[in-house]
PDB file of N, CA and C in Angstrom:
ATOM      1  N   MET A   1       1.298  -1.342  -0.066  1.00  0.00           N
ATOM      2  CA  MET A   1       0.167  -0.239  -0.238  1.00  0.00           C
ATOM      3  C   MET A   1       0.848   1.072   0.013  1.00  0.00           C
ATOM      4  N   THR A   2       0.724   2.084  -1.069  1.00  0.00           N
ATOM      5  CA  THR A   2       1.462   3.281  -0.883  1.00  0.00           C
ATOM      6  C   THR A   2       1.169   4.225   0.344  1.00  0.00           C
ATOM      7  N   PRO A   3       2.732   4.894   0.246  1.00  0.00           N
ATOM      8  CA  PRO A   3       2.206   5.907   2.196  1.00  0.00           C
ATOM      9  C   PRO A   3       0.673   6.841   1.656  1.00  0.00           C
ATOM     10  N   GLU A   4       0.702   7.381   0.706  1.00  0.00           N
ATOM     11  CA  GLU A   4      -0.584   8.574   0.339  1.00  0.00           C
ATOM     12  C   GLU A   4      -1.799   7.693   0.636  1.00  0.00           C
ATOM     13  N   LYS A   5      -2.001   6.056   0.275  1.00  0.00           N
ATOM     14  CA  LYS A   5      -2.618   5.849   0.293  1.00  0.00           C
ATOM     15  C   LYS A   5      -3.127   5.292   1.435  1.00  0.00           C
ATOM     16  N   GLN A   6      -1.930   5.201   1.982  1.00  0.00           N
ATOM     17  CA  GLN A   6      -2.390   4.487   3.714  1.00  0.00           C
ATOM     18  C   GLN A   6      -3.081   5.906   4.672  1.00  0.00           C
ATOM     19  N   ARG A   7      -2.247   7.107   3.964  1.00  0.00           N
ATOM     20  CA  ARG A   7      -2.316   8.601   4.787  1.00  0.00           C
ATOM     21  C   ARG A   7      -3.627   8.679   4.065  1.00  0.00           C
ATOM     22  N   ALA A   8      -4.409   8.789   3.556  1.00  0.00           N
ATOM     23  CA  ALA A   8      -5.500   9.062   3.247  1.00  0.00           C
ATOM     24  C   ALA A   8      -6.935   8.200   3.830  1.00  0.00           C
ATOM     25  N   ALA A   9      -6.329   6.729   4.555  1.00  0.00           N
ATOM     26  CA  ALA A   9      -7.318   5.381   4.891  1.00  0.00           C
ATOM     27  C   ALA A   9      -7.241   5.872   6.022  1.00  0.00           C
ATOM     28  N   ILE A  10      -6.073   6.332   6.851  1.00  0.00           N
ATOM     29  CA  ILE A  10      -6.032   6.512   7.995  1.00  0.00           C
ATOM     30  C   ILE A  10      -7.067   8.058   8.270  1.00  0.00           C
ATOM     31  N   ALA A  11      -6.849   9.295   7.989  1.00  0.00           N
ATOM     32  CA  ALA A  11      -7.503  10.264   7.868  1.00  0.00           C
ATOM     33  C   ALA A  11      -9.118   9.575   7.440  1.00  0.00           C
ATOM     34  N   GLU A  12      -9.660   9.258   6.506  1.00  0.00           N
ATOM     35  CA  GLU A  12     -10.463   8.648   6.689  1.00  0.00           C
ATOM     36  C   GLU A  12     -12.094   7.863   7.501  1.00  0.00           C
ATOM     37  N   ALA A  13     -10.464   7.049   8.408  1.00  0.00           N
ATOM     38  CA  ALA A  13     -11.225   5.943   9.311  1.00  0.00           C
ATOM     39  C   ALA A  13     -11.616   7.021  10.532  1.00  0.00           C
ATOM     40  N   CYS A  14     -11.077   7.966  10.607  1.00  0.00           N
ATOM     41  CA  CYS A  14     -10.017   8.804  11.805  1.00  0.00           C
ATOM     42  C   CYS A  14     -11.724   9.879  11.176  1.00  0.00           C
ATOM     43  N   GLY A  15     -12.494   9.773  10.357  1.00  0.00           N
ATOM     44  CA  GLY A  15     -13.258  11.269   9.941  1.00  0.00           C
ATOM     45  C   GLY A  15     -12.689  12.369  10.085  1.00  0.00           C
ATOM     46  N   ILE A  16     -11.214  13.048  10.049  1.00  0.00           N
ATOM     47  CA  ILE A  16     -10.873  13.850   9.972  1.00  0.00           C
ATOM     48  C   ILE A  16     -10.812  14.406   8.518  1.00  0.00           C
ATOM     49  N   VAL A  17     -11.550  14.067   7.643  1.00  0.00           N
ATOM     50  CA  VAL A  17     -11.175  14.657   6.082  1.00  0.00           C
ATOM     51  C   VAL A  17     -12.516  15.560   6.182  1.00  0.00           C
ATOM     52  N   THR A  18     -12.428  16.335   5.390  1.00  0.00           N
ATOM     53  CA  THR A  18     -13.606  16.952   5.041  1.00  0.00           C
ATOM     54  C   THR A  18     -13.273  17.944   3.361  1.00  0.00           C
ATOM     55  N   HIS A  19     -13.857  18.123   2.706  1.00  0.00           N
ATOM     56  CA  HIS A  19     -13.814  18.395   1.344  1.00  0.00           C
ATOM     57  C   HIS A  19     -14.344  19.967   0.828  1.00  0.00           C
ATOM     58  N   ASP A  20     -13.532  21.045   0.317  1.00  0.00           N
ATOM     59  CA  ASP A  20     -13.983  22.144  -0.543  1.00  0.00           C
ATOM     60  C   ASP A  20     -13.904  21.897  -1.539  1.00  0.00           C
ATOM     61  N   GLN A  21     -14.291  23.459  -2.683  1.00  0.00           N
ATOM     62  CA  GLN A  21     -14.037  22.903  -4.166  1.00  0.00           C
ATOM     63  C   GLN A  21     -12.844  22.943  -4.268  1.00  0.00           C
ATOM     64  N   TRP A  22     -11.766  23.462  -3.417  1.00  0.00           N
ATOM     65  CA  TRP A  22     -10.029  22.995  -3.904  1.00  0.00           C
ATOM     66  C   TRP A  22      -9.703  21.924  -3.325  1.00  0.00           C
ATOM     67  N   GLY A  23     -10.343  20.342  -2.606  1.00  0.00           N
ATOM     68  CA  GLY A  23     -10.033  19.622  -2.762  1.00  0.00           C
ATOM     69  C   GLY A  23     -10.037  18.551  -0.941  1.00  0.00           C
ATOM     70  N   PRO A  24      -9.467  18.464  -0.490  1.00  0.00           N
ATOM     71  CA  PRO A  24      -9.060  17.928   0.850  1.00  0.00           C
ATOM     72  C   PRO A  24      -8.962  18.611   1.564  1.00  0.00           C
ATOM     73  N   LEU A  25      -9.685  18.742   2.568  1.00  0.00           N
ATOM     74  CA  LEU A  25      -8.966  19.502   4.237  1.00  0.00           C
ATOM     75  C   LEU A  25      -9.185  18.340   5.518  1.00  0.00           C
ATOM     76  N   TYR A  26      -8.396  18.261   6.167  1.00  0.00           N
ATOM     77  CA  TYR A  26      -7.938  17.916   7.512  1.00  0.00           C
ATOM     78  C   TYR A  26      -7.780  18.793   8.444  1.00  0.00           C
ATOM     79  N   LYS A  27      -8.956  18.264   9.702  1.00  0.00           N
ATOM     80  CA  LYS A  27      -9.391  18.961  10.718  1.00  0.00           C
ATOM     81  C   LYS A  27      -7.965  17.790  11.916  1.00  0.00           C
ATOM     82  N   THR A  28      -7.399  19.447  12.168  1.00  0.00           N
ATOM     83  CA  THR A  28      -6.173  18.880  13.266  1.00  0.00           C
ATOM     84  C   THR A  28      -6.704  19.329  14.647  1.00  0.00           C
ATOM     85  N   PRO A  29      -6.388  19.483  15.614  1.00  0.00           N
ATOM     86  CA  PRO A  29      -5.586  20.500  16.512  1.00  0.00           C
ATOM     87  C   PRO A  29      -6.137  21.700  16.527  1.00  0.00           C
ATOM     88  N   GLN A  30      -5.041  22.480  15.538  1.00  0.00           N
ATOM     89  CA  GLN A  30      -4.220  23.931  15.175  1.00  0.00           C
ATOM     90  C   GLN A  30      -6.066  24.489  13.828  1.00  0.00           C
ATOM     91  N   GLY A  31      -6.970  23.609  13.487  1.00  0.00           N
ATOM     92  CA  GLY A  31      -7.505  23.879  12.638  1.00  0.00           C
ATOM     93  C   GLY A  31      -7.906  23.196  11.683  1.00  0.00           C
ATOM     94  N   LEU A  32      -8.306  23.913  10.480  1.00  0.00           N
ATOM     95  CA  LEU A  32      -8.430  23.024   9.010  1.00  0.00           C
ATOM     96  C   LEU A  32      -7.063  23.004   8.785  1.00  0.00           C
ATOM     97  N   VAL A  33      -6.533  21.961   8.061  1.00  0.00           N
ATOM     98  CA  VAL A  33      -4.890  22.444   7.080  1.00  0.00           C
ATOM     99  C   VAL A  33      -5.294  21.646   6.009  1.00  0.00           C
ATOM    100  N   ARG A  34      -4.504  21.430   4.901  1.00  0.00           N
ATOM    101  CA  ARG A  34      -4.402  21.662   3.455  1.00  0.00           C
ATOM    102  C   ARG A  34      -3.496  20.144   3.530  1.00  0.00           C
ATOM    103  N   VAL A  35      -2.832  19.811   4.249  1.00  0.00           N
ATOM    104  CA  VAL A  35      -1.912  18.746   4.725  1.00  0.00           C
ATOM    105  C   VAL A  35      -2.089  17.961   5.488  1.00  0.00           C
ATOM    106  N   CYS A  36      -2.803  16.245   5.159  1.00  0.00           N
ATOM    107  CA  CYS A  36      -3.100  14.498   5.674  1.00  0.00           C
ATOM    108  C   CYS A  36      -1.772  15.100   6.908  1.00  0.00           C
ATOM    109  N   PRO A  37      -2.463  14.693   7.957  1.00  0.00           N
ATOM    110  CA  PRO A  37      -1.487  14.295   9.066  1.00  0.00           C
ATOM    111  C   PRO A  37      -0.406  13.312   8.636  1.00  0.00           C
ATOM    112  N   ASP A  38       0.764  12.850   8.972  1.00  0.00           N
ATOM    113  CA  ASP A  38       1.845  12.436   8.598  1.00  0.00           C
ATOM    114  C   ASP A  38       1.965  10.891   9.354  1.00  0.00           C
ATOM    115  N   PHE A  39       0.809  10.408   9.587  1.00  0.00           N
ATOM    116  CA  PHE A  39       0.632   8.972  10.529  1.00  0.00           C
ATOM    117  C   PHE A  39       1.741   7.879  10.333  1.00  0.00           C
ATOM    118  N   LEU A  40       2.705   7.866   8.991  1.00  0.00           N
ATOM    119  CA  LEU A  40       3.289   7.422   8.654  1.00  0.00           C
ATOM    120  C   LEU A  40       4.930   7.573   9.559  1.00  0.00           C
ATOM    121  N   ASN A  41       5.131   8.829   9.769  1.00  0.00           N
ATOM    122  CA  ASN A  41       6.127   9.437  10.582  1.00  0.00           C
ATOM    123  C   ASN A  41       6.050  10.570  12.032  1.00  0.00           C
ATOM    124  N   ASP A  42       5.025  10.574  12.946  1.00  0.00           N
ATOM    125  CA  ASP A  42       4.685  11.206  13.319  1.00  0.00           C
ATOM    126  C   ASP A  42       3.887  10.130  14.156  1.00  0.00           C
ATOM    127  N   LEU A  43       4.564  10.007  15.279  1.00  0.00           N
ATOM    128  CA  LEU A  43       4.337   9.005  16.562  1.00  0.00           C
ATOM    129  C   LEU A  43       3.472   9.885  17.622  1.00  0.00           C
ATOM    130  N   ASN A  44       3.244  11.123  17.235  1.00  0.00           N
ATOM    131  CA  ASN A  44       1.829  11.684  17.603  1.00  0.00           C
ATOM    132  C   ASN A  44       0.359  11.858  17.307  1.00  0.00           C
ATOM    133  N   ALA A  45       0.605  11.644  15.732  1.00  0.00           N
ATOM    134  CA  ALA A  45      -0.321  11.735  14.543  1.00  0.00           C
ATOM    135  C   ALA A  45      -0.612  10.053  14.639  1.00  0.00           C
ATOM    136  N   ILE A  46      -0.544   9.228  14.594  1.00  0.00           N
ATOM    137  CA  ILE A  46      -0.941   8.139  14.847  1.00  0.00           C
ATOM    138  C   ILE A  46      -1.376   7.541  16.004  1.00  0.00           C
ATOM    139  N   ALA A  47      -0.609   7.823  17.244  1.00  0.00           N
ATOM    140  CA  ALA A  47      -1.592   7.996  18.517  1.00  0.00           C
ATOM    141  C   ALA A  47      -2.490   8.597  18.848  1.00  0.00           C
ATOM    142  N   GLU A  48      -3.290   9.819  17.963  1.00  0.00           N
ATOM    143  CA  GLU A  48      -4.286  10.341  18.053  1.00  0.00           C
ATOM    144  C   GLU A  48      -5.182   9.162  17.179  1.00  0.00           C
ATOM    145  N   ALA A  49      -4.827   9.271  15.921  1.00  0.00           N
ATOM    146  CA  ALA A  49      -5.697   7.989  15.227  1.00  0.00           C
ATOM    147  C   ALA A  49      -6.437   6.827  15.862  1.00  0.00           C
ATOM    148  N   ARG A  50      -5.375   5.999  16.915  1.00  0.00           N
ATOM    149  CA  ARG A  50      -5.622   5.051  17.869  1.00  0.00           C
ATOM    150  C   ARG A  50      -6.379   5.012  18.980  1.00  0.00           C
ATOM    151  N   ARG A  51      -7.306   6.432  18.857  1.00  0.00           N
ATOM    152  CA  ARG A  51      -8.343   6.702  20.359  1.00  0.00           C
ATOM    153  C   ARG A  51      -9.448   6.371  19.110  1.00  0.00           C
ATOM    154  N   ILE A  52      -9.559   6.092  17.868  1.00  0.00           N
ATOM    155  CA  ILE A  52     -10.872   5.471  17.666  1.00  0.00           C
ATOM    156  C   ILE A  52     -11.064   4.093  17.911  1.00  0.00           C
ATOM    157  N   LEU A  53     -10.454   3.351  18.113  1.00  0.00           N
ATOM    158  CA  LEU A  53     -10.062   2.439  18.097  1.00  0.00           C
ATOM    159  C   LEU A  53     -10.848   1.237  19.436  1.00  0.00           C
ATOM    160  N   THR A  54     -11.876   0.574  19.018  1.00  0.00           N
ATOM    161  CA  THR A  54     -12.703  -0.608  20.071  1.00  0.00           C
ATOM    162  C   THR A  54     -11.901  -1.130  21.279  1.00  0.00           C
ATOM    163  N   PRO A  55     -12.052  -0.996  22.685  1.00  0.00           N
ATOM    164  CA  PRO A  55     -11.211  -1.709  23.269  1.00  0.00           C
ATOM    165  C   PRO A  55     -10.343  -3.831  22.497  1.00  0.00           C
ATOM    166  N   ASN A  56     -11.593  -3.800  21.842  1.00  0.00           N
ATOM    167  CA  ASN A  56     -11.643  -5.143  21.212  1.00  0.00           C
ATOM    168  C   ASN A  56     -10.157  -4.972  20.226  1.00  0.00           C
ATOM    169  N   GLN A  57     -10.994  -3.976  19.172  1.00  0.00           N
ATOM    170  CA  GLN A  57      -9.338  -3.283  18.341  1.00  0.00           C
ATOM    171  C   GLN A  57      -8.680  -2.476  18.870  1.00  0.00           C
ATOM    172  N   GLN A  58      -7.915  -2.722  19.803  1.00  0.00           N
ATOM    173  CA  GLN A  58      -7.102  -2.354  20.795  1.00  0.00           C
ATOM    174  C   GLN A  58      -6.259  -3.503  21.135  1.00  0.00           C
ATOM    175  N   LEU A  59      -6.705  -4.294  21.214  1.00  0.00           N
ATOM    176  CA  LEU A  59      -6.073  -5.541  21.155  1.00  0.00           C
ATOM    177  C   LEU A  59      -6.018  -6.129  20.472  1.00  0.00           C
ATOM    178  N   GLN A  60      -6.228  -5.998  19.265  1.00  0.00           N
ATOM    179  CA  GLN A  60      -5.964  -6.601  17.587  1.00  0.00           C
ATOM    180  C   GLN A  60      -5.036  -5.864  17.222  1.00  0.00           C
ATOM    181  N   PHE A  61      -4.993  -4.621  17.728  1.00  0.00           N
ATOM    182  CA  PHE A  61      -3.467  -3.662  16.897  1.00  0.00           C
ATOM    183  C   PHE A  61      -2.081  -4.140  18.059  1.00  0.00           C
ATOM    184  N   SER A  62      -2.516  -4.346  19.067  1.00  0.00           N
ATOM    185  CA  SER A  62      -1.423  -4.822  19.652  1.00  0.00           C
ATOM    186  C   SER A  62      -1.041  -5.950  19.308  1.00  0.00           C
ATOM    187  N   VAL A  63      -1.482  -7.026  18.994  1.00  0.00           N
ATOM    188  CA  VAL A  63      -1.634  -8.528  17.544  1.00  0.00           C
ATOM    189  C   VAL A  63      -0.573  -7.800  16.581  1.00  0.00           C
ATOM    190  N   GLU A  64      -1.275  -7.017  15.943  1.00  0.00           N
ATOM    191  CA  GLU A  64      -0.488  -7.396  14.476  1.00  0.00           C
ATOM    192  C   GLU A  64       0.833  -6.206  15.148  1.00  0.00           C
ATOM    193  N   VAL A  65       0.741  -4.982  15.763  1.00  0.00           N
ATOM    194  CA  VAL A  65       1.904  -4.840  16.291  1.00  0.00           C
ATOM    195  C   VAL A  65       2.820  -5.749  16.169  1.00  0.00           C
ATOM    196  N   GLY A  66       2.565  -6.265  17.631  1.00  0.00           N
ATOM    197  CA  GLY A  66       3.606  -7.681  18.054  1.00  0.00           C
ATOM    198  C   GLY A  66       3.926  -8.405  16.284  1.00  0.00           C
ATOM    199  N   LYS A  67       3.384  -8.917  15.343  1.00  0.00           N
ATOM    200  CA  LYS A  67       3.669  -9.564  13.836  1.00  0.00           C
ATOM    201  C   LYS A  67       4.158  -8.802  13.433  1.00  0.00           C
ATOM    202  N   ILE A  68       3.895  -6.845  12.925  1.00  0.00           N
ATOM    203  CA  ILE A  68       5.084  -6.309  11.911  1.00  0.00           C
ATOM    204  C   ILE A  68       6.507  -6.589  12.651  1.00  0.00           C
ATOM    205  N   VAL A  69       6.479  -6.029  14.163  1.00  0.00           N
ATOM    206  CA  VAL A  69       7.931  -5.392  14.782  1.00  0.00           C
ATOM    207  C   VAL A  69       8.883  -7.165  14.983  1.00  0.00           C
ATOM    208  N   THR A  70       8.139  -7.964  14.662  1.00  0.00           N
ATOM    209  CA  THR A  70       9.270  -9.288  15.378  1.00  0.00           C
ATOM    210  C   THR A  70       9.128  -9.990  13.565  1.00  0.00           C
ATOM    211  N   ARG A  71       8.299  -9.603  12.554  1.00  0.00           N
ATOM    212  CA  ARG A  71       8.978  -9.384  11.155  1.00  0.00           C
ATOM    213  C   ARG A  71      10.195  -9.370  10.673  1.00  0.00           C
ATOM    214  N   MET A  72      10.205  -7.818  11.481  1.00  0.00           N
ATOM    215  CA  MET A  72      11.280  -6.972  10.929  1.00  0.00           C
ATOM    216  C   MET A  72      12.630  -7.074  11.712  1.00  0.00           C
ATOM    217  N   LEU A  73      11.949  -7.216  12.885  1.00  0.00           N
ATOM    218  CA  LEU A  73      13.178  -7.628  13.819  1.00  0.00           C
ATOM    219  C   LEU A  73      13.800  -9.431  13.821  1.00  0.00           C
ATOM    220  N   ARG A  74      13.143  -9.834  13.067  1.00  0.00           N
ATOM    221  CA  ARG A  74      12.946 -11.225  12.599  1.00  0.00           C
ATOM    222  C   ARG A  74      13.534 -12.025  13.941  1.00  0.00           C
ATOM    223  N   VAL A  75      12.342 -12.193  14.742  1.00  0.00           N
ATOM    224  CA  VAL A  75      12.505 -12.953  16.002  1.00  0.00           C
ATOM    225  C   VAL A  75      11.668 -13.214  16.204  1.00  0.00           C
ATOM    226  N   ASN A  76      11.118 -14.591  17.707  1.00  0.00           N
ATOM    227  CA  ASN A  76      10.667 -14.982  17.917  1.00  0.00           C
ATOM    228  C   ASN A  76       9.185 -14.091  18.907  1.00  0.00           C
ATOM    229  N   GLN A  77       8.184 -14.248  17.918  1.00  0.00           N
ATOM    230  CA  GLN A  77       7.417 -13.071  18.754  1.00  0.00           C
ATOM    231  C   GLN A  77       6.926 -12.989  20.367  1.00  0.00           C
ATOM    232  N   SER A  78       6.473 -14.394  20.650  1.00  0.00           N
ATOM    233  CA  SER A  78       6.251 -14.776  21.711  1.00  0.00           C
ATOM    234  C   SER A  78       7.445 -14.431  22.537  1.00  0.00           C
ATOM    235  N   GLN A  79       8.689 -14.017  22.240  1.00  0.00           N
ATOM    236  CA  GLN A  79       9.882 -13.707  23.365  1.00  0.00           C
ATOM    237  C   GLN A  79       9.551 -12.061  23.093  1.00  0.00           C
ATOM    238  N   TRP A  80       9.125 -11.797  22.139  1.00  0.00           N
ATOM    239  CA  TRP A  80       9.221  -9.948  21.625  1.00  0.00           C
ATOM    240  C   TRP A  80       8.141  -9.121  22.509  1.00  0.00           C
ATOM    241  N   MET A  81       6.825  -9.873  22.196  1.00  0.00           N
ATOM    242  CA  MET A  81       5.528  -9.246  22.699  1.00  0.00           C
ATOM    243  C   MET A  81       5.527  -8.407  23.109  1.00  0.00           C
ATOM    244  N   ASP A  82       6.020  -8.702  24.599  1.00  0.00           N
ATOM    245  CA  ASP A  82       6.437  -7.482  25.540  1.00  0.00           C
ATOM    246  C   ASP A  82       6.762  -6.036  25.309  1.00  0.00           C
ATOM    247  N   PHE A  83       7.480  -6.398  24.262  1.00  0.00           N
ATOM    248  CA  PHE A  83       8.082  -5.048  23.618  1.00  0.00           C
ATOM    249  C   PHE A  83       8.267  -4.409  22.580  1.00  0.00           C
ATOM    250  N   CYS A  84       7.115  -4.977  21.558  1.00  0.00           N
ATOM    251  CA  CYS A  84       6.844  -4.290  20.738  1.00  0.00           C
ATOM    252  C   CYS A  84       5.894  -2.914  20.605  1.00  0.00           C
ATOM    253  N   LEU A  85       5.408  -2.899  21.321  1.00  0.00           N
ATOM    254  CA  LEU A  85       4.799  -1.520  21.341  1.00  0.00           C
ATOM    255  C   LEU A  85       5.647  -0.196  21.431  1.00  0.00           C
ATOM    256  N   ILE A  86       6.995  -0.655  22.176  1.00  0.00           N
ATOM    257  CA  ILE A  86       8.074   0.181  22.400  1.00  0.00           C
ATOM    258  C   ILE A  86       8.845   0.208  21.219  1.00  0.00           C
ATOM    259  N   ASP A  87       8.492  -0.512  20.629  1.00  0.00           N
ATOM    260  CA  ASP A  87      10.045  -0.738  19.314  1.00  0.00           C
ATOM    261  C   ASP A  87       8.980  -0.163  18.158  1.00  0.00           C
ATOM    262  N   ALA A  88       8.066  -0.337  18.304  1.00  0.00           N
ATOM    263  CA  ALA A  88       7.083   0.235  16.741  1.00  0.00           C
ATOM    264  C   ALA A  88       7.174   2.134  16.118  1.00  0.00           C
ATOM    265  N   SER A  89       7.602   1.511  14.923  1.00  0.00           N
ATOM    266  CA  SER A  89       7.878   2.832  14.432  1.00  0.00           C
ATOM    267  C   SER A  89       6.336   3.475  14.076  1.00  0.00           C
ATOM    268  N   ALA A  90       5.933   4.988  14.007  1.00  0.00           N
ATOM    269  CA  ALA A  90       4.850   5.340  13.641  1.00  0.00           C
ATOM    270  C   ALA A  90       4.051   4.304  12.238  1.00  0.00           C
ATOM    271  N   GLN A  91       5.392   4.159  10.883  1.00  0.00           N
ATOM    272  CA  GLN A  91       5.099   3.434  10.124  1.00  0.00           C
ATOM    273  C   GLN A  91       4.477   2.069  10.375  1.00  0.00           C
ATOM    274  N   CYS A  92       4.797   1.368  11.499  1.00  0.00           N
ATOM    275  CA  CYS A  92       4.618  -0.270  11.538  1.00  0.00           C
ATOM    276  C   CYS A  92       3.357   0.405  12.658  1.00  0.00           C
ATOM    277  N   GLN A  93       2.810   1.006  13.519  1.00  0.00           N
ATOM    278  CA  GLN A  93       1.968   1.491  13.913  1.00  0.00           C
ATOM    279  C   GLN A  93       0.963   1.865  12.883  1.00  0.00           C
ATOM    280  N   SER A  94       1.149   2.390  11.774  1.00  0.00           N
ATOM    281  CA  SER A  94       0.475   2.658  10.741  1.00  0.00           C
ATOM    282  C   SER A  94      -0.544   1.808   9.783  1.00  0.00           C
ATOM    283  N   GLU A  95       0.751   0.937   9.747  1.00  0.00           N
ATOM    284  CA  GLU A  95      -0.182  -0.505   9.113  1.00  0.00           C
ATOM    285  C   GLU A  95      -0.820  -1.793   9.976  1.00  0.00           C
ATOM    286  N   ALA A  96      -0.702  -1.657  11.307  1.00  0.00           N
ATOM    287  CA  ALA A  96      -1.173  -2.639  12.226  1.00  0.00           C
ATOM    288  C   ALA A  96      -2.444  -1.747  12.333  1.00  0.00           C
ATOM    289  N   PHE A  97      -2.485  -0.521  12.362  1.00  0.00           N
ATOM    290  CA  PHE A  97      -3.860   0.172  12.708  1.00  0.00           C
ATOM    291  C   PHE A  97      -4.482  -0.135  11.468  1.00  0.00           C
ATOM    292  N   LEU A  98      -4.132  -0.160  10.269  1.00  0.00           N
ATOM    293  CA  LEU A  98      -5.286  -0.157   8.776  1.00  0.00           C
ATOM    294  C   LEU A  98      -5.264  -1.642   8.434  1.00  0.00           C
ATOM    295  N   ARG A  99      -4.711  -2.744   9.232  1.00  0.00           N
ATOM    296  CA  ARG A  99      -4.909  -4.172   9.291  1.00  0.00           C
ATOM    297  C   ARG A  99      -5.970  -4.372  10.320  1.00  0.00           C
ATOM    298  N   THR A 100      -5.874  -3.840  11.493  1.00  0.00           N
ATOM    299  CA  THR A 100      -6.781  -3.944  12.432  1.00  0.00           C
ATOM    300  C   THR A 100      -8.273  -3.309  11.950  1.00  0.00           C
ATOM    301  N   ILE A 101      -8.792  -2.503  10.908  1.00  0.00           N
ATOM    302  CA  ILE A 101      -9.785  -1.531  10.651  1.00  0.00           C
ATOM    303  C   ILE A 101     -10.516  -2.634   9.391  1.00  0.00           C
ATOM    304  N   GLY A 102      -9.594  -3.254   8.663  1.00  0.00           N
ATOM    305  CA  GLY A 102      -9.471  -4.287   8.012  1.00  0.00           C
ATOM    306  C   GLY A 102      -9.571  -2.801   6.188  1.00  0.00           C
ATOM    307  N   LYS A 103      -8.633  -1.975   6.137  1.00  0.00           N
ATOM    308  CA  LYS A 103      -8.386  -1.029   5.533  1.00  0.00           C
ATOM    309  C   LYS A 103      -7.104  -1.395   5.061  1.00  0.00           C
ATOM    310  N   TRP A 104      -6.069  -2.516   5.473  1.00  0.00           N
ATOM    311  CA  TRP A 104      -4.851  -2.683   4.190  1.00  0.00           C
ATOM    312  C   TRP A 104      -4.546  -2.986   3.083  1.00  0.00           C
ATOM    313  N   GLU A 105      -4.250  -3.152   1.982  1.00  0.00           N
ATOM    314  CA  GLU A 105      -4.329  -3.869   0.627  1.00  0.00           C
ATOM    315  C   GLU A 105      -3.082  -3.860   0.572  1.00  0.00           C
ATOM    316  N   GLU A 106      -2.896  -5.352   0.304  1.00  0.00           N
ATOM    317  CA  GLU A 106      -1.944  -5.565  -0.283  1.00  0.00           C
ATOM    318  C   GLU A 106      -1.278  -5.030  -1.335  1.00  0.00           C
ATOM    319  N   ASP A 107       0.329  -4.870  -1.664  1.00  0.00           N
ATOM    320  CA  ASP A 107       0.818  -4.539  -2.930  1.00  0.00           C
ATOM    321  C   ASP A 107       0.827  -5.793  -4.117  1.00  0.00           C
ATOM    322  N   LYS A 108       0.435  -5.384  -4.654  1.00  0.00           N
ATOM    323  CA  LYS A 108       0.323  -6.328  -6.306  1.00  0.00           C
ATOM    324  C   LYS A 108       1.468  -6.582  -7.514  1.00  0.00           C
TER     325      LYS A 108
END
């Protein structure tokens, strides 16, 4: 999934996208802006997005993060599960978020 598609899917899932005659606008704590929050590089942005997850989705999110981090580190998941959220980059959390809500698309 391209970074642009990931950002757009997260913004849409969070309900922070609106449109005017010139294109999309994103609701942020600072007001409406034209630039989509950088969920893939900003831990604060993806943390804000995670607030929409239900308790069950939060649990699934942690499982998805564990899978991604242990795959990246090439280690046994059961040994590293406790440390996965600490090591998870914004990009990793964004992928886990999209997998959790069923919006992740595999590259073709």
